Amino acid sequence: MTISEIDAKIRIEIGDNLNISNAHGVDLKTCLITPNKQQYADPINDGNKIELWTVLEETPDGNGYKICYNEGSDNFGLGMKTNKDELLYLGDYGTFLETLTNM
């Protein structure tokens, strides 16, 4: 999958409405980022890594939640940075908007 294809999946859901938010007050205008592949720790298989596309950072410093796209499941899910400065995948939540809502 390419950056453009992942962007298109998100845009199909949100359209031009960048005013959508959630209980955390996420501002899509500032929190959506150019999708980039990153290694996340697999919560099920200790020591294994999963390559996911990070598409949203809750906070500019990277310490908040992240929304990731999982090509394998064709779902979006949540991730976070651990106290060891590693990325941890929390699991699939479904569509981009379902994941944003459940953050």
PDB file of N, CA and C in Angstrom:
ATOM      1  N   MET A   1       0.843  -1.166   0.000  1.00  0.00           N
ATOM      2  CA  MET A   1       0.000   0.000   0.000  1.00  0.00           C
ATOM      3  C   MET A   1       0.896   1.241   0.000  1.00  0.00           C
ATOM      4  N   THR A   2       0.406   2.315  -0.585  1.00  0.00           N
ATOM      5  CA  THR A   2       1.192   3.544  -0.675  1.00  0.00           C
ATOM      6  C   THR A   2       0.627   4.622   0.251  1.00  0.00           C
ATOM      7  N   ILE A   3       1.409   5.658   0.445  1.00  0.00           N
ATOM      8  CA  ILE A   3       0.962   6.806   1.248  1.00  0.00           C
ATOM      9  C   ILE A   3      -0.331   7.374   0.679  1.00  0.00           C
ATOM     10  N   SER A   4      -0.396   7.518  -0.632  1.00  0.00           N
ATOM     11  CA  SER A   4      -1.588   8.078  -1.292  1.00  0.00           C
ATOM     12  C   SER A   4      -2.821   7.210  -1.062  1.00  0.00           C
ATOM     13  N   GLU A   5      -2.651   5.898  -1.100  1.00  0.00           N
ATOM     14  CA  GLU A   5      -3.789   4.995  -0.891  1.00  0.00           C
ATOM     15  C   GLU A   5      -4.308   5.075   0.539  1.00  0.00           C
ATOM     16  N   ILE A   6      -3.403   5.196   1.481  1.00  0.00           N
ATOM     17  CA  ILE A   6      -3.826   5.302   2.887  1.00  0.00           C
ATOM     18  C   ILE A   6      -4.497   6.651   3.126  1.00  0.00           C
ATOM     19  N   ASP A   7      -3.922   7.716   2.583  1.00  0.00           N
ATOM     20  CA  ASP A   7      -4.564   9.035   2.668  1.00  0.00           C
ATOM     21  C   ASP A   7      -5.969   8.985   2.091  1.00  0.00           C
ATOM     22  N   ALA A   8      -6.128   8.311   0.950  1.00  0.00           N
ATOM     23  CA  ALA A   8      -7.434   8.214   0.300  1.00  0.00           C
ATOM     24  C   ALA A   8      -8.439   7.482   1.187  1.00  0.00           C
ATOM     25  N   LYS A   9      -8.023   6.413   1.871  1.00  0.00           N
ATOM     26  CA  LYS A   9      -8.919   5.677   2.779  1.00  0.00           C
ATOM     27  C   LYS A   9      -9.448   6.613   3.875  1.00  0.00           C
ATOM     28  N   ILE A  10      -8.561   7.435   4.410  1.00  0.00           N
ATOM     29  CA  ILE A  10      -8.958   8.364   5.471  1.00  0.00           C
ATOM     30  C   ILE A  10      -9.881   9.435   4.910  1.00  0.00           C
ATOM     31  N   ARG A  11      -9.535  10.000   3.770  1.00  0.00           N
ATOM     32  CA  ARG A  11     -10.335  11.083   3.159  1.00  0.00           C
ATOM     33  C   ARG A  11     -11.723  10.604   2.764  1.00  0.00           C
ATOM     34  N   ILE A  12     -11.848   9.338   2.354  1.00  0.00           N
ATOM     35  CA  ILE A  12     -13.171   8.796   2.022  1.00  0.00           C
ATOM     36  C   ILE A  12     -14.066   8.845   3.261  1.00  0.00           C
ATOM     37  N   GLU A  13     -13.501   8.556   4.408  1.00  0.00           N
ATOM     38  CA  GLU A  13     -14.282   8.563   5.655  1.00  0.00           C
ATOM     39  C   GLU A  13     -14.600   9.965   6.149  1.00  0.00           C
ATOM     40  N   ILE A  14     -13.603  10.831   6.152  1.00  0.00           N
ATOM     41  CA  ILE A  14     -13.823  12.150   6.762  1.00  0.00           C
ATOM     42  C   ILE A  14     -14.240  13.209   5.755  1.00  0.00           C
ATOM     43  N   GLY A  15     -14.059  12.933   4.458  1.00  0.00           N
ATOM     44  CA  GLY A  15     -14.380  13.939   3.447  1.00  0.00           C
ATOM     45  C   GLY A  15     -13.562  15.196   3.683  1.00  0.00           C
ATOM     46  N   ASP A  16     -14.222  16.319   3.592  1.00  0.00           N
ATOM     47  CA  ASP A  16     -13.551  17.599   3.836  1.00  0.00           C
ATOM     48  C   ASP A  16     -13.758  18.083   5.263  1.00  0.00           C
ATOM     49  N   ASN A  17     -14.382  17.260   6.096  1.00  0.00           N
ATOM     50  CA  ASN A  17     -14.729  17.673   7.452  1.00  0.00           C
ATOM     51  C   ASN A  17     -13.568  17.430   8.413  1.00  0.00           C
ATOM     52  N   LEU A  18     -12.649  18.363   8.460  1.00  0.00           N
ATOM     53  CA  LEU A  18     -11.528  18.266   9.394  1.00  0.00           C
ATOM     54  C   LEU A  18     -11.894  18.768  10.785  1.00  0.00           C
ATOM     55  N   ASN A  19     -13.181  19.072  10.996  1.00  0.00           N
ATOM     56  CA  ASN A  19     -13.641  19.529  12.311  1.00  0.00           C
ATOM     57  C   ASN A  19     -14.082  18.381  13.200  1.00  0.00           C
ATOM     58  N   ILE A  20     -14.051  17.147  12.677  1.00  0.00           N
ATOM     59  CA  ILE A  20     -14.397  15.976  13.485  1.00  0.00           C
ATOM     60  C   ILE A  20     -13.377  15.863  14.619  1.00  0.00           C
ATOM     61  N   SER A  21     -13.853  15.517  15.804  1.00  0.00           N
ATOM     62  CA  SER A  21     -12.954  15.357  16.949  1.00  0.00           C
ATOM     63  C   SER A  21     -13.430  14.169  17.782  1.00  0.00           C
ATOM     64  N   ASN A  22     -12.875  14.045  18.968  1.00  0.00           N
ATOM     65  CA  ASN A  22     -13.260  12.965  19.884  1.00  0.00           C
ATOM     66  C   ASN A  22     -13.207  13.477  21.316  1.00  0.00           C
ATOM     67  N   ALA A  23     -13.365  12.574  22.277  1.00  0.00           N
ATOM     68  CA  ALA A  23     -13.368  12.965  23.691  1.00  0.00           C
ATOM     69  C   ALA A  23     -12.034  13.555  24.139  1.00  0.00           C
ATOM     70  N   HIS A  24     -10.952  13.243  23.422  1.00  0.00           N
ATOM     71  CA  HIS A  24      -9.631  13.791  23.752  1.00  0.00           C
ATOM     72  C   HIS A  24      -9.398  15.159  23.122  1.00  0.00           C
ATOM     73  N   GLY A  25     -10.342  15.620  22.308  1.00  0.00           N
ATOM     74  CA  GLY A  25     -10.197  16.923  21.663  1.00  0.00           C
ATOM     75  C   GLY A  25      -9.199  16.932  20.520  1.00  0.00           C
ATOM     76  N   VAL A  26      -9.010  15.790  19.862  1.00  0.00           N
ATOM     77  CA  VAL A  26      -8.067  15.699  18.744  1.00  0.00           C
ATOM     78  C   VAL A  26      -8.495  16.644  17.631  1.00  0.00           C
ATOM     79  N   ASP A  27      -7.556  17.417  17.137  1.00  0.00           N
ATOM     80  CA  ASP A  27      -7.773  18.337  16.020  1.00  0.00           C
ATOM     81  C   ASP A  27      -7.140  17.720  14.780  1.00  0.00           C
ATOM     82  N   LEU A  28      -7.975  17.243  13.856  1.00  0.00           N
ATOM     83  CA  LEU A  28      -7.457  16.570  12.673  1.00  0.00           C
ATOM     84  C   LEU A  28      -6.540  17.465  11.843  1.00  0.00           C
ATOM     85  N   LYS A  29      -6.788  18.772  11.895  1.00  0.00           N
ATOM     86  CA  LYS A  29      -5.943  19.694  11.112  1.00  0.00           C
ATOM     87  C   LYS A  29      -4.486  19.642  11.551  1.00  0.00           C
ATOM     88  N   THR A  30      -4.251  19.374  12.818  1.00  0.00           N
ATOM     89  CA  THR A  30      -2.872  19.346  13.315  1.00  0.00           C
ATOM     90  C   THR A  30      -2.374  17.937  13.647  1.00  0.00           C
ATOM     91  N   CYS A  31      -3.294  17.007  13.898  1.00  0.00           N
ATOM     92  CA  CYS A  31      -2.884  15.674  14.352  1.00  0.00           C
ATOM     93  C   CYS A  31      -2.692  14.660  13.226  1.00  0.00           C
ATOM     94  N   LEU A  32      -3.382  14.839  12.097  1.00  0.00           N
ATOM     95  CA  LEU A  32      -3.150  13.944  10.968  1.00  0.00           C
ATOM     96  C   LEU A  32      -1.750  14.194  10.437  1.00  0.00           C
ATOM     97  N   ILE A  33      -1.029  13.131  10.164  1.00  0.00           N
ATOM     98  CA  ILE A  33       0.327  13.265   9.640  1.00  0.00           C
ATOM     99  C   ILE A  33       0.443  12.482   8.340  1.00  0.00           C
ATOM    100  N   THR A  34       1.492  12.739   7.598  1.00  0.00           N
ATOM    101  CA  THR A  34       1.764  11.938   6.423  1.00  0.00           C
ATOM    102  C   THR A  34       2.022  10.515   6.894  1.00  0.00           C
ATOM    103  N   PRO A  35       1.270   9.540   6.370  1.00  0.00           N
ATOM    104  CA  PRO A  35       1.476   8.159   6.817  1.00  0.00           C
ATOM    105  C   PRO A  35       2.937   7.723   6.691  1.00  0.00           C
ATOM    106  N   ASN A  36       3.441   7.110   7.744  1.00  0.00           N
ATOM    107  CA  ASN A  36       4.814   6.587   7.700  1.00  0.00           C
ATOM    108  C   ASN A  36       4.869   5.247   8.416  1.00  0.00           C
ATOM    109  N   LYS A  37       5.631   4.336   7.813  1.00  0.00           N
ATOM    110  CA  LYS A  37       5.759   2.992   8.377  1.00  0.00           C
ATOM    111  C   LYS A  37       6.668   3.018   9.594  1.00  0.00           C
ATOM    112  N   GLN A  38       6.196   2.376  10.658  1.00  0.00           N
ATOM    113  CA  GLN A  38       6.969   2.287  11.885  1.00  0.00           C
ATOM    114  C   GLN A  38       6.815   0.886  12.467  1.00  0.00           C
ATOM    115  N   GLN A  39       7.772   0.500  13.274  1.00  0.00           N
ATOM    116  CA  GLN A  39       7.756  -0.795  13.940  1.00  0.00           C
ATOM    117  C   GLN A  39       7.080  -0.650  15.307  1.00  0.00           C
ATOM    118  N   TYR A  40       6.058  -1.459  15.530  1.00  0.00           N
ATOM    119  CA  TYR A  40       5.334  -1.478  16.799  1.00  0.00           C
ATOM    120  C   TYR A  40       5.517  -2.839  17.460  1.00  0.00           C
ATOM    121  N   ALA A  41       5.641  -2.844  18.771  1.00  0.00           N
ATOM    122  CA  ALA A  41       5.686  -4.105  19.503  1.00  0.00           C
ATOM    123  C   ALA A  41       4.329  -4.778  19.394  1.00  0.00           C
ATOM    124  N   ASP A  42       4.350  -6.081  19.166  1.00  0.00           N
ATOM    125  CA  ASP A  42       3.137  -6.883  19.059  1.00  0.00           C
ATOM    126  C   ASP A  42       2.677  -7.234  20.472  1.00  0.00           C
ATOM    127  N   PRO A  43       1.460  -6.840  20.857  1.00  0.00           N
ATOM    128  CA  PRO A  43       1.012  -7.096  22.230  1.00  0.00           C
ATOM    129  C   PRO A  43       0.706  -8.567  22.504  1.00  0.00           C
ATOM    130  N   ILE A  44       0.537  -9.351  21.451  1.00  0.00           N
ATOM    131  CA  ILE A  44       0.193 -10.765  21.617  1.00  0.00           C
ATOM    132  C   ILE A  44       1.435 -11.639  21.630  1.00  0.00           C
ATOM    133  N   ASN A  45       2.377 -11.343  20.757  1.00  0.00           N
ATOM    134  CA  ASN A  45       3.598 -12.143  20.637  1.00  0.00           C
ATOM    135  C   ASN A  45       4.781 -11.344  21.152  1.00  0.00           C
ATOM    136  N   ASP A  46       5.069 -11.500  22.410  1.00  0.00           N
ATOM    137  CA  ASP A  46       6.125 -10.742  23.081  1.00  0.00           C
ATOM    138  C   ASP A  46       7.441 -10.837  22.307  1.00  0.00           C
ATOM    139  N   GLY A  47       8.051  -9.712  22.069  1.00  0.00           N
ATOM    140  CA  GLY A  47       9.331  -9.658  21.363  1.00  0.00           C
ATOM    141  C   GLY A  47       9.190  -9.498  19.864  1.00  0.00           C
ATOM    142  N   ASN A  48       7.998  -9.747  19.318  1.00  0.00           N
ATOM    143  CA  ASN A  48       7.778  -9.573  17.880  1.00  0.00           C
ATOM    144  C   ASN A  48       7.401  -8.134  17.568  1.00  0.00           C
ATOM    145  N   LYS A  49       7.681  -7.730  16.355  1.00  0.00           N
ATOM    146  CA  LYS A  49       7.339  -6.387  15.879  1.00  0.00           C
ATOM    147  C   LYS A  49       6.353  -6.498  14.728  1.00  0.00           C
ATOM    148  N   ILE A  50       5.500  -5.485  14.602  1.00  0.00           N
ATOM    149  CA  ILE A  50       4.543  -5.372  13.509  1.00  0.00           C
ATOM    150  C   ILE A  50       4.843  -4.062  12.789  1.00  0.00           C
ATOM    151  N   GLU A  51       4.890  -4.095  11.464  1.00  0.00           N
ATOM    152  CA  GLU A  51       5.094  -2.874  10.698  1.00  0.00           C
ATOM    153  C   GLU A  51       3.725  -2.280  10.374  1.00  0.00           C
ATOM    154  N   LEU A  52       3.483  -1.074  10.870  1.00  0.00           N
ATOM    155  CA  LEU A  52       2.203  -0.383  10.704  1.00  0.00           C
ATOM    156  C   LEU A  52       2.446   1.022  10.174  1.00  0.00           C
ATOM    157  N   TRP A  53       1.411   1.577   9.577  1.00  0.00           N
ATOM    158  CA  TRP A  53       1.466   2.954   9.088  1.00  0.00           C
ATOM    159  C   TRP A  53       0.903   3.882  10.157  1.00  0.00           C
ATOM    160  N   THR A  54       1.701   4.749  10.721  1.00  0.00           N
ATOM    161  CA  THR A  54       1.204   5.753  11.666  1.00  0.00           C
ATOM    162  C   THR A  54       0.593   6.880  10.850  1.00  0.00           C
ATOM    163  N   VAL A  55      -0.673   7.229  11.155  1.00  0.00           N
ATOM    164  CA  VAL A  55      -1.383   8.244  10.371  1.00  0.00           C
ATOM    165  C   VAL A  55      -1.825   9.441  11.206  1.00  0.00           C
ATOM    166  N   LEU A  56      -1.818   9.291  12.535  1.00  0.00           N
ATOM    167  CA  LEU A  56      -2.246  10.377  13.416  1.00  0.00           C
ATOM    168  C   LEU A  56      -1.450  10.323  14.706  1.00  0.00           C
ATOM    169  N   GLU A  57      -1.016  11.485  15.162  1.00  0.00           N
ATOM    170  CA  GLU A  57      -0.322  11.642  16.451  1.00  0.00           C
ATOM    171  C   GLU A  57      -1.192  12.546  17.315  1.00  0.00           C
ATOM    172  N   GLU A  58      -1.620  12.040  18.455  1.00  0.00           N
ATOM    173  CA  GLU A  58      -2.488  12.830  19.339  1.00  0.00           C
ATOM    174  C   GLU A  58      -1.796  14.087  19.837  1.00  0.00           C
ATOM    175  N   THR A  59      -0.502  13.989  20.124  1.00  0.00           N
ATOM    176  CA  THR A  59       0.246  15.141  20.629  1.00  0.00           C
ATOM    177  C   THR A  59       1.496  15.364  19.784  1.00  0.00           C
ATOM    178  N   PRO A  60       1.922  16.598  19.639  1.00  0.00           N
ATOM    179  CA  PRO A  60       3.098  16.893  18.810  1.00  0.00           C
ATOM    180  C   PRO A  60       4.382  16.218  19.296  1.00  0.00           C
ATOM    181  N   ASP A  61       4.486  15.958  20.605  1.00  0.00           N
ATOM    182  CA  ASP A  61       5.713  15.337  21.128  1.00  0.00           C
ATOM    183  C   ASP A  61       5.734  13.818  20.939  1.00  0.00           C
ATOM    184  N   GLY A  62       4.647  13.252  20.395  1.00  0.00           N
ATOM    185  CA  GLY A  62       4.600  11.820  20.119  1.00  0.00           C
ATOM    186  C   GLY A  62       4.277  10.951  21.317  1.00  0.00           C
ATOM    187  N   ASN A  63       3.962  11.546  22.457  1.00  0.00           N
ATOM    188  CA  ASN A  63       3.705  10.762  23.660  1.00  0.00           C
ATOM    189  C   ASN A  63       2.246  10.374  23.858  1.00  0.00           C
ATOM    190  N   GLY A  64       1.355  10.889  23.045  1.00  0.00           N
ATOM    191  CA  GLY A  64      -0.057  10.524  23.160  1.00  0.00           C
ATOM    192  C   GLY A  64      -0.361   9.282  22.343  1.00  0.00           C
ATOM    193  N   TYR A  65      -1.644   9.032  22.159  1.00  0.00           N
ATOM    194  CA  TYR A  65      -2.066   7.917  21.323  1.00  0.00           C
ATOM    195  C   TYR A  65      -1.705   8.173  19.868  1.00  0.00           C
ATOM    196  N   LYS A  66      -1.630   7.083  19.111  1.00  0.00           N
ATOM    197  CA  LYS A  66      -1.389   7.144  17.683  1.00  0.00           C
ATOM    198  C   LYS A  66      -2.474   6.315  17.013  1.00  0.00           C
ATOM    199  N   ILE A  67      -2.909   6.746  15.845  1.00  0.00           N
ATOM    200  CA  ILE A  67      -3.764   5.898  15.028  1.00  0.00           C
ATOM    201  C   ILE A  67      -2.880   5.328  13.938  1.00  0.00           C
ATOM    202  N   CYS A  68      -2.985   4.017  13.770  1.00  0.00           N
ATOM    203  CA  CYS A  68      -2.147   3.293  12.816  1.00  0.00           C
ATOM    204  C   CYS A  68      -3.042   2.532  11.851  1.00  0.00           C
ATOM    205  N   TYR A  69      -2.505   2.318  10.658  1.00  0.00           N
ATOM    206  CA  TYR A  69      -3.197   1.474   9.683  1.00  0.00           C
ATOM    207  C   TYR A  69      -2.455   0.156   9.585  1.00  0.00           C
ATOM    208  N   ASN A  70      -3.200  -0.937   9.715  1.00  0.00           N
ATOM    209  CA  ASN A  70      -2.657  -2.282   9.656  1.00  0.00           C
ATOM    210  C   ASN A  70      -3.024  -2.888   8.299  1.00  0.00           C
ATOM    211  N   GLU A  71      -2.047  -2.977   7.396  1.00  0.00           N
ATOM    212  CA  GLU A  71      -2.306  -3.522   6.066  1.00  0.00           C
ATOM    213  C   GLU A  71      -2.788  -4.965   6.128  1.00  0.00           C
ATOM    214  N   GLY A  72      -2.266  -5.743   7.056  1.00  0.00           N
ATOM    215  CA  GLY A  72      -2.619  -7.151   7.155  1.00  0.00           C
ATOM    216  C   GLY A  72      -4.091  -7.386   7.427  1.00  0.00           C
ATOM    217  N   SER A  73      -4.683  -6.567   8.287  1.00  0.00           N
ATOM    218  CA  SER A  73      -6.090  -6.720   8.636  1.00  0.00           C
ATOM    219  C   SER A  73      -6.984  -5.726   7.906  1.00  0.00           C
ATOM    220  N   ASP A  74      -6.381  -4.766   7.214  1.00  0.00           N
ATOM    221  CA  ASP A  74      -7.105  -3.683   6.533  1.00  0.00           C
ATOM    222  C   ASP A  74      -7.976  -2.913   7.528  1.00  0.00           C
ATOM    223  N   ASN A  75      -7.420  -2.678   8.718  1.00  0.00           N
ATOM    224  CA  ASN A  75      -8.101  -1.933   9.765  1.00  0.00           C
ATOM    225  C   ASN A  75      -7.176  -0.872  10.346  1.00  0.00           C
ATOM    226  N   PHE A  76      -7.803   0.102  10.974  1.00  0.00           N
ATOM    227  CA  PHE A  76      -7.063   1.082  11.749  1.00  0.00           C
ATOM    228  C   PHE A  76      -7.090   0.637  13.202  1.00  0.00           C
ATOM    229  N   GLY A  77      -6.111   1.072  13.957  1.00  0.00           N
ATOM    230  CA  GLY A  77      -6.046   0.727  15.362  1.00  0.00           C
ATOM    231  C   GLY A  77      -5.264   1.766  16.136  1.00  0.00           C
ATOM    232  N   LEU A  78      -5.115   1.518  17.415  1.00  0.00           N
ATOM    233  CA  LEU A  78      -4.418   2.457  18.297  1.00  0.00           C
ATOM    234  C   LEU A  78      -3.042   1.939  18.679  1.00  0.00           C
ATOM    235  N   GLY A  79      -2.138   2.882  18.860  1.00  0.00           N
ATOM    236  CA  GLY A  79      -0.814   2.594  19.364  1.00  0.00           C
ATOM    237  C   GLY A  79      -0.439   3.654  20.382  1.00  0.00           C
ATOM    238  N   MET A  80       0.678   3.429  21.048  1.00  0.00           N
ATOM    239  CA  MET A  80       1.177   4.399  22.024  1.00  0.00           C
ATOM    240  C   MET A  80       2.660   4.152  22.242  1.00  0.00           C
ATOM    241  N   LYS A  81       3.333   5.147  22.800  1.00  0.00           N
ATOM    242  CA  LYS A  81       4.737   4.998  23.152  1.00  0.00           C
ATOM    243  C   LYS A  81       4.812   4.495  24.586  1.00  0.00           C
ATOM    244  N   THR A  82       5.660   3.496  24.822  1.00  0.00           N
ATOM    245  CA  THR A  82       5.812   2.943  26.169  1.00  0.00           C
ATOM    246  C   THR A  82       6.809   3.771  26.971  1.00  0.00           C
ATOM    247  N   ASN A  83       6.949   3.434  28.246  1.00  0.00           N
ATOM    248  CA  ASN A  83       7.927   4.130  29.085  1.00  0.00           C
ATOM    249  C   ASN A  83       9.361   3.750  28.696  1.00  0.00           C
ATOM    250  N   LYS A  84       9.509   2.764  27.818  1.00  0.00           N
ATOM    251  CA  LYS A  84      10.831   2.394  27.286  1.00  0.00           C
ATOM    252  C   LYS A  84      11.084   3.059  25.937  1.00  0.00           C
ATOM    253  N   ASP A  85      10.227   4.018  25.584  1.00  0.00           N
ATOM    254  CA  ASP A  85      10.345   4.773  24.338  1.00  0.00           C
ATOM    255  C   ASP A  85      10.175   3.883  23.105  1.00  0.00           C
ATOM    256  N   GLU A  86       9.377   2.803  23.239  1.00  0.00           N
ATOM    257  CA  GLU A  86       9.046   1.917  22.130  1.00  0.00           C
ATOM    258  C   GLU A  86       7.587   2.135  21.753  1.00  0.00           C
ATOM    259  N   LEU A  87       7.253   1.833  20.509  1.00  0.00           N
ATOM    260  CA  LEU A  87       5.872   1.908  20.080  1.00  0.00           C
ATOM    261  C   LEU A  87       5.197   0.570  20.350  1.00  0.00           C
ATOM    262  N   LEU A  88       4.001   0.615  20.917  1.00  0.00           N
ATOM    263  CA  LEU A  88       3.231  -0.576  21.243  1.00  0.00           C
ATOM    264  C   LEU A  88       1.891  -0.499  20.524  1.00  0.00           C
ATOM    265  N   TYR A  89       1.547  -1.561  19.795  1.00  0.00           N
ATOM    266  CA  TYR A  89       0.255  -1.612  19.124  1.00  0.00           C
ATOM    267  C   TYR A  89      -0.778  -2.127  20.115  1.00  0.00           C
ATOM    268  N   LEU A  90      -1.888  -1.420  20.256  1.00  0.00           N
ATOM    269  CA  LEU A  90      -2.933  -1.798  21.201  1.00  0.00           C
ATOM    270  C   LEU A  90      -4.022  -2.641  20.552  1.00  0.00           C
ATOM    271  N   GLY A  91      -4.048  -2.687  19.235  1.00  0.00           N
ATOM    272  CA  GLY A  91      -5.009  -3.529  18.535  1.00  0.00           C
ATOM    273  C   GLY A  91      -5.841  -2.779  17.522  1.00  0.00           C
ATOM    274  N   ASP A  92      -6.531  -3.555  16.689  1.00  0.00           N
ATOM    275  CA  ASP A  92      -7.407  -3.024  15.641  1.00  0.00           C
ATOM    276  C   ASP A  92      -8.712  -2.517  16.242  1.00  0.00           C
ATOM    277  N   TYR A  93      -9.225  -1.430  15.676  1.00  0.00           N
ATOM    278  CA  TYR A  93     -10.501  -0.876  16.111  1.00  0.00           C
ATOM    279  C   TYR A  93     -11.491  -0.751  14.966  1.00  0.00           C
ATOM    280  N   GLY A  94     -11.062  -0.998  13.722  1.00  0.00           N
ATOM    281  CA  GLY A  94     -11.975  -0.912  12.580  1.00  0.00           C
ATOM    282  C   GLY A  94     -11.608   0.222  11.651  1.00  0.00           C
ATOM    283  N   THR A  95     -12.567   1.066  11.352  1.00  0.00           N
ATOM    284  CA  THR A  95     -12.346   2.182  10.431  1.00  0.00           C
ATOM    285  C   THR A  95     -11.564   3.289  11.128  1.00  0.00           C
ATOM    286  N   PHE A  96     -11.151   4.273  10.356  1.00  0.00           N
ATOM    287  CA  PHE A  96     -10.443   5.418  10.940  1.00  0.00           C
ATOM    288  C   PHE A  96     -11.331   6.115  11.971  1.00  0.00           C
ATOM    289  N   LEU A  97     -12.579   6.399  11.601  1.00  0.00           N
ATOM    290  CA  LEU A  97     -13.463   7.125  12.507  1.00  0.00           C
ATOM    291  C   LEU A  97     -13.838   6.309  13.748  1.00  0.00           C
ATOM    292  N   GLU A  98     -13.994   4.985  13.594  1.00  0.00           N
ATOM    293  CA  GLU A  98     -14.246   4.149  14.774  1.00  0.00           C
ATOM    294  C   GLU A  98     -13.061   4.204  15.721  1.00  0.00           C
ATOM    295  N   THR A  99     -11.858   4.193  15.158  1.00  0.00           N
ATOM    296  CA  THR A  99     -10.647   4.245  15.990  1.00  0.00           C
ATOM    297  C   THR A  99     -10.539   5.603  16.672  1.00  0.00           C
ATOM    298  N   LEU A 100     -10.783   6.673  15.941  1.00  0.00           N
ATOM    299  CA  LEU A 100     -10.741   8.015  16.516  1.00  0.00           C
ATOM    300  C   LEU A 100     -11.744   8.139  17.663  1.00  0.00           C
ATOM    301  N   THR A 101     -12.937   7.629  17.463  1.00  0.00           N
ATOM    302  CA  THR A 101     -13.974   7.695  18.482  1.00  0.00           C
ATOM    303  C   THR A 101     -13.606   6.895  19.726  1.00  0.00           C
ATOM    304  N   ASN A 102     -12.955   5.756  19.530  1.00  0.00           N
ATOM    305  CA  ASN A 102     -12.607   4.887  20.657  1.00  0.00           C
ATOM    306  C   ASN A 102     -11.300   5.234  21.335  1.00  0.00           C
ATOM    307  N   MET A 103     -10.639   6.275  20.878  1.00  0.00           N
ATOM    308  CA  MET A 103      -9.349   6.683  21.447  1.00  0.00           C
ATOM    309  C   MET A 103      -9.542   7.118  22.882  1.00  0.00           C
TER     310      MET A 103
END
